[in-house]
Amino acid sequence: MRVLHFPALVGGNPPALARTEREIGLDSTCVADVPTEYGWNGDKTLCPNGAGHVRRAVARLAASRRYRGSYDVIHFNFGQTALNRFGLGLDIPSWKRTGATVFMTFQGSDVRPESILSPESARTLRGRVSESFRKKYVHNVTKWCDHMFCLN
């Protein structure tokens, strides 16, 4: 079974999952748009640290096209997909059409209600995305994903 963890490395979970899946015999790869400052890097990195949003979006889209159809399982992390880091997950159906099983993991502030965000999180880009937008996103993703996880 071929598994792709893509595109975020939040908390080091995706590279750790890929490594453990390889230990049990799965062909698992972790691809990230940028490396982390914490050393949780995936098997492949698309852009260097400091790459702007446009460069990262283009790299994600190119990787999505390159990898689509090559994996049995796609596991999106931190509520992000290839098409748009803060989008509506509109690329998920294209992965489904290839026969892939789609997982999504939310890791905290990507879906946490604004009313309980810390002041630090509220200042992040995720924190500035409206709560109604996040609710709409989760609703869409719920329709399209086969399995979902929420951490933290």
C-alpha atoms as a PDB file:
ATOM      1  CA  MET A   1       0.000   0.000   0.000  1.00  0.00           C
ATOM      2  CA  ARG A   2       1.333   3.438  -0.969  1.00  0.00           C
ATOM      3  CA  VAL A   3       0.657   6.279   1.504  1.00  0.00           C
ATOM      4  CA  LEU A   4       1.350  10.005   1.002  1.00  0.00           C
ATOM      5  CA  HIS A   5       1.415  12.454   3.914  1.00  0.00           C
ATOM      6  CA  PHE A   6       1.071  15.966   2.486  1.00  0.00           C
ATOM      7  CA  PRO A   7       1.676  19.018   2.724  1.00  0.00           C
ATOM      8  CA  ALA A   8       2.227  20.201   6.332  1.00  0.00           C
ATOM      9  CA  LEU A   9       4.550  18.931   9.083  1.00  0.00           C
ATOM     10  CA  VAL A  10       2.738  20.326  12.139  1.00  0.00           C
ATOM     11  CA  GLY A  11       3.867  18.741  15.384  1.00  0.00           C
ATOM     12  CA  GLY A  12       6.140  16.300  13.578  1.00  0.00           C
ATOM     13  CA  ASN A  13       3.193  13.917  13.191  1.00  0.00           C
ATOM     14  CA  PRO A  14       3.348  13.344   9.406  1.00  0.00           C
ATOM     15  CA  PRO A  15       7.032  12.337   9.209  1.00  0.00           C
ATOM     16  CA  ALA A  16       6.660  10.165  12.320  1.00  0.00           C
ATOM     17  CA  LEU A  17       3.626   8.424  10.824  1.00  0.00           C
ATOM     18  CA  ALA A  18       5.425   7.828   7.513  1.00  0.00           C
ATOM     19  CA  ARG A  19       8.483   6.422   9.285  1.00  0.00           C
ATOM     20  CA  THR A  20       6.365   4.089  11.441  1.00  0.00           C
ATOM     21  CA  GLU A  21       4.283   2.981   8.461  1.00  0.00           C
ATOM     22  CA  ARG A  22       7.493   2.034   6.619  1.00  0.00           C
ATOM     23  CA  GLU A  23       8.536  -0.037   9.653  1.00  0.00           C
ATOM     24  CA  ILE A  24       5.381  -2.146   9.267  1.00  0.00           C
ATOM     25  CA  GLY A  25       5.909  -2.603   5.540  1.00  0.00           C
ATOM     26  CA  LEU A  26       3.918   0.210   3.933  1.00  0.00           C
ATOM     27  CA  ASP A  27       5.383   2.350   1.151  1.00  0.00           C
ATOM     28  CA  SER A  28       4.866   5.647   2.950  1.00  0.00           C
ATOM     29  CA  THR A  29       6.228   9.072   1.983  1.00  0.00           C
ATOM     30  CA  CYS A  30       5.994  12.453   3.701  1.00  0.00           C
ATOM     31  CA  VAL A  31       6.183  15.484   1.401  1.00  0.00           C
ATOM     32  CA  ALA A  32       6.181  18.984   2.885  1.00  0.00           C
ATOM     33  CA  ASP A  33       5.949  22.368   1.262  1.00  0.00           C
ATOM     34  CA  VAL A  34       8.731  23.799   3.499  1.00  0.00           C
ATOM     35  CA  PRO A  35      11.103  22.379   6.132  1.00  0.00           C
ATOM     36  CA  THR A  36      10.484  23.084   9.801  1.00  0.00           C
ATOM     37  CA  GLU A  37      12.796  24.819  12.214  1.00  0.00           C
ATOM     38  CA  TYR A  38      12.330  21.882  14.598  1.00  0.00           C
ATOM     39  CA  GLY A  39      13.967  19.185  12.470  1.00  0.00           C
ATOM     40  CA  TRP A  40      10.734  17.289  11.736  1.00  0.00           C
ATOM     41  CA  ASN A  41      11.413  17.290   8.043  1.00  0.00           C
ATOM     42  CA  GLY A  42       9.654  14.974   5.661  1.00  0.00           C
ATOM     43  CA  ASP A  43      11.164  12.698   3.053  1.00  0.00           C
ATOM     44  CA  LYS A  44      10.856  15.426   0.416  1.00  0.00           C
ATOM     45  CA  THR A  45      10.625  19.194   0.718  1.00  0.00           C
ATOM     46  CA  LEU A  46       9.174  21.334  -2.067  1.00  0.00           C
ATOM     47  CA  CYS A  47      10.520  24.795  -1.151  1.00  0.00           C
ATOM     48  CA  PRO A  48      13.215  26.292   1.056  1.00  0.00           C
ATOM     49  CA  ASN A  49      12.403  28.097   4.300  1.00  0.00           C
ATOM     50  CA  GLY A  50      11.228  31.616   3.618  1.00  0.00           C
ATOM     51  CA  ALA A  51       9.478  30.733   0.366  1.00  0.00           C
ATOM     52  CA  GLY A  52       6.496  33.013  -0.185  1.00  0.00           C
ATOM     53  CA  HIS A  53       2.880  31.925  -0.380  1.00  0.00           C
ATOM     54  CA  VAL A  54       2.766  32.025  -4.187  1.00  0.00           C
ATOM     55  CA  ARG A  55       5.882  29.894  -4.597  1.00  0.00           C
ATOM     56  CA  ARG A  56       4.563  27.398  -2.046  1.00  0.00           C
ATOM     57  CA  ALA A  57       1.152  27.260  -3.733  1.00  0.00           C
ATOM     58  CA  VAL A  58       2.716  26.608  -7.144  1.00  0.00           C
ATOM     59  CA  ALA A  59       4.960  23.901  -5.668  1.00  0.00           C
ATOM     60  CA  ARG A  60       2.005  22.237  -3.931  1.00  0.00           C
ATOM     61  CA  LEU A  61      -0.054  22.248  -7.092  1.00  0.00           C
ATOM     62  CA  ALA A  62       2.805  20.795  -9.158  1.00  0.00           C
ATOM     63  CA  ALA A  63       3.408  18.092  -6.533  1.00  0.00           C
ATOM     64  CA  SER A  64      -0.291  17.315  -6.396  1.00  0.00           C
ATOM     65  CA  ARG A  65      -0.383  16.770 -10.144  1.00  0.00           C
ATOM     66  CA  ARG A  66       2.787  14.679 -10.025  1.00  0.00           C
ATOM     67  CA  TYR A  67       1.613  12.448  -7.145  1.00  0.00           C
ATOM     68  CA  ARG A  68      -2.094  12.130  -7.915  1.00  0.00           C
ATOM     69  CA  GLY A  69      -2.874   8.583  -8.980  1.00  0.00           C
ATOM     70  CA  SER A  70       0.362   7.202  -7.512  1.00  0.00           C
ATOM     71  CA  TYR A  71      -0.886   6.613  -3.957  1.00  0.00           C
ATOM     72  CA  ASP A  72      -3.590   4.455  -2.402  1.00  0.00           C
ATOM     73  CA  VAL A  73      -3.937   6.734   0.620  1.00  0.00           C
ATOM     74  CA  ILE A  74      -3.514  10.512   0.865  1.00  0.00           C
ATOM     75  CA  HIS A  75      -3.280  12.002   4.349  1.00  0.00           C
ATOM     76  CA  PHE A  76      -3.673  15.782   4.455  1.00  0.00           C
ATOM     77  CA  ASN A  77      -2.367  17.450   7.608  1.00  0.00           C
ATOM     78  CA  PHE A  78      -3.222  20.590   9.592  1.00  0.00           C
ATOM     79  CA  GLY A  79      -6.447  20.919   7.624  1.00  0.00           C
ATOM     80  CA  GLN A  80      -4.443  21.764   4.491  1.00  0.00           C
ATOM     81  CA  THR A  81      -4.658  20.384   0.998  1.00  0.00           C
ATOM     82  CA  ALA A  82      -2.511  20.903  -2.064  1.00  0.00           C
ATOM     83  CA  LEU A  83      -4.735  23.415  -3.815  1.00  0.00           C
ATOM     84  CA  ASN A  84      -4.811  26.134  -1.225  1.00  0.00           C
ATOM     85  CA  ARG A  85      -3.384  26.270   2.257  1.00  0.00           C
ATOM     86  CA  PHE A  86      -6.491  28.071   3.486  1.00  0.00           C
ATOM     87  CA  GLY A  87      -8.890  26.964   0.769  1.00  0.00           C
ATOM     88  CA  LEU A  88     -12.017  24.923   0.773  1.00  0.00           C
ATOM     89  CA  GLY A  89     -10.382  21.589   0.019  1.00  0.00           C
ATOM     90  CA  LEU A  90     -11.610  21.721  -3.558  1.00  0.00           C
ATOM     91  CA  ASP A  91      -8.846  19.402  -4.721  1.00  0.00           C
ATOM     92  CA  ILE A  92      -9.962  16.516  -2.503  1.00  0.00           C
ATOM     93  CA  PRO A  93     -12.494  15.162  -5.039  1.00  0.00           C
ATOM     94  CA  SER A  94      -9.741  14.887  -7.663  1.00  0.00           C
ATOM     95  CA  TRP A  95      -7.787  12.608  -5.301  1.00  0.00           C
ATOM     96  CA  LYS A  96     -10.941  10.589  -4.680  1.00  0.00           C
ATOM     97  CA  ARG A  97     -11.453  10.084  -8.439  1.00  0.00           C
ATOM     98  CA  THR A  98      -8.082   8.280  -8.568  1.00  0.00           C
ATOM     99  CA  GLY A  99      -9.433   5.738  -6.073  1.00  0.00           C
ATOM    100  CA  ALA A 100      -7.358   7.033  -3.160  1.00  0.00           C
ATOM    101  CA  THR A 101      -8.649   6.844   0.384  1.00  0.00           C
ATOM    102  CA  VAL A 102      -8.461  10.356   1.849  1.00  0.00           C
ATOM    103  CA  PHE A 103      -7.606  11.174   5.458  1.00  0.00           C
ATOM    104  CA  MET A 104      -7.557  14.654   6.995  1.00  0.00           C
ATOM    105  CA  THR A 105      -6.005  15.560  10.331  1.00  0.00           C
ATOM    106  CA  PHE A 106      -6.814  18.809  12.101  1.00  0.00           C
ATOM    107  CA  GLN A 107      -4.244  19.733  14.696  1.00  0.00           C
ATOM    108  CA  GLY A 108      -5.731  22.535  16.750  1.00  0.00           C
ATOM    109  CA  SER A 109      -6.021  26.151  15.694  1.00  0.00           C
ATOM    110  CA  ASP A 110      -6.866  25.119  12.138  1.00  0.00           C
ATOM    111  CA  VAL A 111     -10.438  24.472  13.367  1.00  0.00           C
ATOM    112  CA  ARG A 112     -10.516  25.732  16.949  1.00  0.00           C
ATOM    113  CA  PRO A 113     -13.342  28.260  17.627  1.00  0.00           C
ATOM    114  CA  GLU A 114     -12.164  31.866  17.867  1.00  0.00           C
ATOM    115  CA  SER A 115     -13.678  32.168  21.318  1.00  0.00           C
ATOM    116  CA  ILE A 116     -11.041  29.810  22.758  1.00  0.00           C
ATOM    117  CA  LEU A 117      -8.009  30.819  20.669  1.00  0.00           C
ATOM    118  CA  SER A 118      -5.100  32.164  22.646  1.00  0.00           C
ATOM    119  CA  PRO A 119      -4.091  35.762  21.836  1.00  0.00           C
ATOM    120  CA  GLU A 120      -0.966  34.395  20.119  1.00  0.00           C
ATOM    121  CA  SER A 121      -2.997  32.037  17.917  1.00  0.00           C
ATOM    122  CA  ALA A 122      -5.532  34.734  17.144  1.00  0.00           C
ATOM    123  CA  ARG A 123      -2.717  36.810  15.627  1.00  0.00           C
ATOM    124  CA  THR A 124      -1.593  34.036  13.292  1.00  0.00           C
ATOM    125  CA  LEU A 125      -2.905  33.774   9.778  1.00  0.00           C
ATOM    126  CA  ARG A 126      -5.023  30.803  10.828  1.00  0.00           C
ATOM    127  CA  GLY A 127      -6.453  32.851  13.651  1.00  0.00           C
ATOM    128  CA  ARG A 128      -7.443  35.608  11.230  1.00  0.00           C
ATOM    129  CA  VAL A 129      -9.473  33.258   9.046  1.00  0.00           C
ATOM    130  CA  SER A 130     -13.068  33.751  10.135  1.00  0.00           C
ATOM    131  CA  GLU A 131     -14.854  31.153  12.186  1.00  0.00           C
ATOM    132  CA  SER A 132     -17.628  30.928   9.583  1.00  0.00           C
ATOM    133  CA  PHE A 133     -14.989  30.151   6.922  1.00  0.00           C
ATOM    134  CA  ARG A 134     -13.513  27.381   9.082  1.00  0.00           C
ATOM    135  CA  LYS A 135     -16.980  25.906   9.673  1.00  0.00           C
ATOM    136  CA  LYS A 136     -17.680  25.885   5.938  1.00  0.00           C
ATOM    137  CA  TYR A 137     -14.302  24.277   5.297  1.00  0.00           C
ATOM    138  CA  VAL A 138     -14.868  21.523   7.863  1.00  0.00           C
ATOM    139  CA  HIS A 139     -18.330  20.906   6.408  1.00  0.00           C
ATOM    140  CA  ASN A 140     -16.875  20.447   2.893  1.00  0.00           C
ATOM    141  CA  VAL A 141     -14.002  18.284   4.077  1.00  0.00           C
ATOM    142  CA  THR A 142     -16.389  16.099   6.071  1.00  0.00           C
ATOM    143  CA  LYS A 143     -18.286  15.342   2.874  1.00  0.00           C
ATOM    144  CA  TRP A 144     -15.189  14.430   0.877  1.00  0.00           C
ATOM    145  CA  CYS A 145     -12.792  12.700   3.286  1.00  0.00           C
ATOM    146  CA  ASP A 146     -13.049   9.047   4.168  1.00  0.00           C
ATOM    147  CA  HIS A 147     -11.545   9.505   7.627  1.00  0.00           C
ATOM    148  CA  MET A 148     -10.800  12.507   9.836  1.00  0.00           C
ATOM    149  CA  PHE A 149      -8.732  13.017  12.962  1.00  0.00           C
ATOM    150  CA  CYS A 150      -8.715  15.950  15.367  1.00  0.00           C
ATOM    151  CA  LEU A 151      -5.809  16.398  17.745  1.00  0.00           C
ATOM    152  CA  ASN A 152      -5.158  18.858  20.528  1.00  0.00           C
END
